[in-house]
């Protein structure tokens, strides 16, 4: 599979897209302001709907193969790049116990974009588009929290 620009799909099925560099190309509302030598963009509402921990992950580059995906029923998760574009898989939230390979979409998230995944949406870890890359995420984390990793039904998925 090849990644698609996150702005080229109806991301609302999976979550909210904040486009901090081009607000009209996102689904979440942002505020903009500027002053003497500065410009600012911020989300009009909190990024996720609960308390959150901030995470920092290093992912290998594309190509990659995903054998499993995760979902969180207890929290939303926000993903955003450090400096490099990242690619991750998403699949709709379902009552099934595993993501279905036929419903998976590999999405490309660029610096300045923030993807906030709805509760229950299946997703993979992220990987750098052209090389290994760091990225940030926000989610409610605590000891023994119920994040669920499951093998991909009909998988694995290879992204080029």
Protein backbone atom coordinates (compact mmCIF):
# COMPACT_ATOMS: atom_id res chain seq x y z
CA UNK A 1 0.00 0.00 0.00
CA UNK A 2 1.04 3.58 -0.56
CA UNK A 3 0.27 6.37 1.93
CA UNK A 4 -2.30 9.04 1.03
CA UNK A 5 -2.31 12.66 2.15
CA UNK A 6 -4.47 12.86 5.25
CA UNK A 7 -6.24 15.87 3.68
CA UNK A 8 -7.29 13.76 0.66
CA UNK A 9 -9.61 11.46 2.65
CA UNK A 10 -12.68 12.02 4.82
CA UNK A 11 -10.71 11.87 8.07
CA UNK A 12 -13.82 12.62 10.16
CA UNK A 13 -14.53 8.86 10.24
CA UNK A 14 -11.31 8.44 12.21
CA UNK A 15 -11.01 11.70 14.13
CA UNK A 16 -10.32 15.41 13.87
CA UNK A 17 -7.60 16.93 11.71
CA UNK A 18 -6.16 20.24 12.85
CA UNK A 19 -4.17 21.88 10.08
CA UNK A 20 -2.15 24.51 11.89
CA UNK A 21 -0.46 25.80 8.70
CA UNK A 22 -3.58 25.86 6.49
CA UNK A 23 -6.68 25.87 8.72
CA UNK A 24 -9.17 25.62 5.84
CA UNK A 25 -7.74 22.17 4.99
CA UNK A 26 -8.61 20.63 8.36
CA UNK A 27 -11.77 19.58 10.15
CA UNK A 28 -10.98 21.12 13.56
CA UNK A 29 -11.40 24.80 14.33
CA UNK A 30 -8.27 26.84 14.99
CA UNK A 31 -7.63 30.40 16.11
CA UNK A 32 -4.94 32.55 14.54
CA UNK A 33 -3.25 35.70 15.80
CA UNK A 34 -0.12 37.68 15.05
CA UNK A 35 1.95 40.51 16.37
CA UNK A 36 5.28 42.21 15.94
CA UNK A 37 7.45 39.43 14.45
CA UNK A 38 5.23 36.46 15.38
CA UNK A 39 2.26 34.45 14.18
CA UNK A 40 0.30 31.96 16.28
CA UNK A 41 -2.23 29.20 15.62
CA UNK A 42 -3.96 27.22 18.36
CA UNK A 43 -6.81 24.75 18.56
CA UNK A 44 -10.15 26.35 19.49
CA UNK A 45 -10.87 23.51 21.95
CA UNK A 46 -8.60 21.23 24.01
CA UNK A 47 -6.69 18.81 21.77
CA UNK A 48 -8.17 15.73 23.44
CA UNK A 49 -11.20 15.48 25.71
CA UNK A 50 -9.43 14.23 28.85
CA UNK A 51 -6.26 14.68 30.84
CA UNK A 52 -3.27 13.58 28.78
CA UNK A 53 0.29 12.43 28.91
CA UNK A 54 2.74 13.60 26.27
CA UNK A 55 4.65 10.86 24.45
CA UNK A 56 7.67 10.97 22.17
CA UNK A 57 8.26 7.99 19.86
CA UNK A 58 10.94 7.09 17.32
CA UNK A 59 9.59 5.16 14.34
CA UNK A 60 11.47 3.41 11.55
CA UNK A 61 11.11 4.80 8.06
CA UNK A 62 8.95 3.69 5.14
CA UNK A 63 8.81 0.96 3.92
CA UNK A 64 7.39 -0.88 6.93
CA UNK A 65 5.18 -3.87 7.63
CA UNK A 66 2.51 -3.74 10.31
CA UNK A 67 1.36 -7.01 11.86
CA UNK A 68 -0.82 -5.46 14.55
CA UNK A 69 -2.65 -2.25 15.43
CA UNK A 70 -3.87 -0.67 18.63
CA UNK A 71 -7.01 1.06 19.86
CA UNK A 72 -7.95 2.98 22.98
CA UNK A 73 -11.51 2.85 24.29
CA UNK A 74 -10.62 5.08 27.26
CA UNK A 75 -8.98 8.02 25.46
CA UNK A 76 -8.54 9.91 22.24
CA UNK A 77 -4.99 10.05 20.88
CA UNK A 78 -3.38 13.00 19.14
CA UNK A 79 -0.42 12.45 16.79
CA UNK A 80 1.89 15.18 15.50
CA UNK A 81 5.27 15.31 13.79
CA UNK A 82 8.46 16.69 15.19
CA UNK A 83 10.27 17.74 11.97
CA UNK A 84 9.60 15.02 9.42
CA UNK A 85 6.35 13.77 7.84
CA UNK A 86 5.06 10.53 9.34
CA UNK A 87 2.92 7.67 8.02
CA UNK A 88 0.57 5.53 10.10
CA UNK A 89 -2.33 3.18 9.48
CA UNK A 90 -5.92 3.87 10.52
CA UNK A 91 -9.00 1.65 10.45
CA UNK A 92 -12.55 2.43 11.61
CA UNK A 93 -13.67 1.87 15.17
CA UNK A 94 -15.72 -1.32 15.20
CA UNK A 95 -17.12 -3.87 17.62
CA UNK A 96 -14.71 -6.42 16.13
CA UNK A 97 -11.76 -7.65 18.18
CA UNK A 98 -9.23 -6.86 15.45
CA UNK A 99 -8.73 -4.36 12.62
CA UNK A 100 -9.70 -5.62 9.14
CA UNK A 101 -7.00 -5.34 6.45
CA UNK A 102 -9.64 -4.35 3.86
CA UNK A 103 -10.56 -1.23 5.86
CA UNK A 104 -7.04 0.04 6.60
CA UNK A 105 -5.82 3.35 5.16
CA UNK A 106 -2.15 4.43 5.36
CA UNK A 107 -2.14 8.21 5.96
CA UNK A 108 0.61 10.79 5.62
CA UNK A 109 0.74 13.46 8.32
CA UNK A 110 2.92 16.49 7.71
CA UNK A 111 4.50 18.93 10.19
CA UNK A 112 1.86 21.44 11.25
CA UNK A 113 -0.95 18.88 11.08
CA UNK A 114 -2.43 17.21 14.17
CA UNK A 115 -4.51 14.03 13.87
CA UNK A 116 -6.77 13.40 16.88
CA UNK A 117 -8.09 9.85 16.75
CA UNK A 118 -11.55 9.07 18.13
CA UNK A 119 -11.83 6.47 20.86
CA UNK A 120 -11.79 2.94 19.43
CA UNK A 121 -10.14 3.84 16.09
CA UNK A 122 -7.53 1.25 15.18
CA UNK A 123 -4.08 2.69 14.37
CA UNK A 124 -0.50 1.62 14.01
CA UNK A 125 2.64 3.24 15.31
CA UNK A 126 3.97 5.96 13.01
CA UNK A 127 6.99 5.80 10.71
CA UNK A 128 9.04 8.50 9.01
CA UNK A 129 8.13 9.07 5.36
CA UNK A 130 11.69 9.14 4.01
CA UNK A 131 13.76 8.07 7.03
CA UNK A 132 13.32 7.09 10.66
CA UNK A 133 11.66 9.95 12.55
CA UNK A 134 10.50 11.13 15.95
CA UNK A 135 6.90 12.11 16.58
CA UNK A 136 4.78 13.23 19.51
CA UNK A 137 1.48 11.89 20.78
CA UNK A 138 -0.97 12.77 23.54
CA UNK A 139 -3.30 10.32 25.29
CA UNK A 140 -4.50 9.46 28.78
CA UNK A 141 -1.89 7.03 30.14
CA UNK A 142 -1.73 5.30 33.49
CA UNK A 143 -0.47 2.03 34.91
CA UNK A 144 -2.45 -0.94 33.52
CA UNK A 145 -4.56 1.29 31.23
CA UNK A 146 -6.56 -0.74 28.71
CA UNK A 147 -4.77 -0.05 25.41
CA UNK A 148 -5.42 -3.03 23.15
CA UNK A 149 -2.98 -4.33 20.49
CA UNK A 150 -4.37 -6.95 18.10
CA UNK A 151 -3.08 -8.76 14.97
CA UNK A 152 -4.51 -7.38 11.72
CA UNK A 153 -7.25 -9.66 10.39
CA UNK A 154 -6.21 -10.51 6.82
CA UNK A 155 -2.82 -8.85 7.41
CA UNK A 156 -0.03 -8.00 7.66
CA UNK A 157 -0.01 -4.66 5.81
CA UNK A 158 3.08 -3.54 3.90
CA UNK A 159 3.51 0.21 3.23
CA UNK A 160 5.91 1.44 0.56
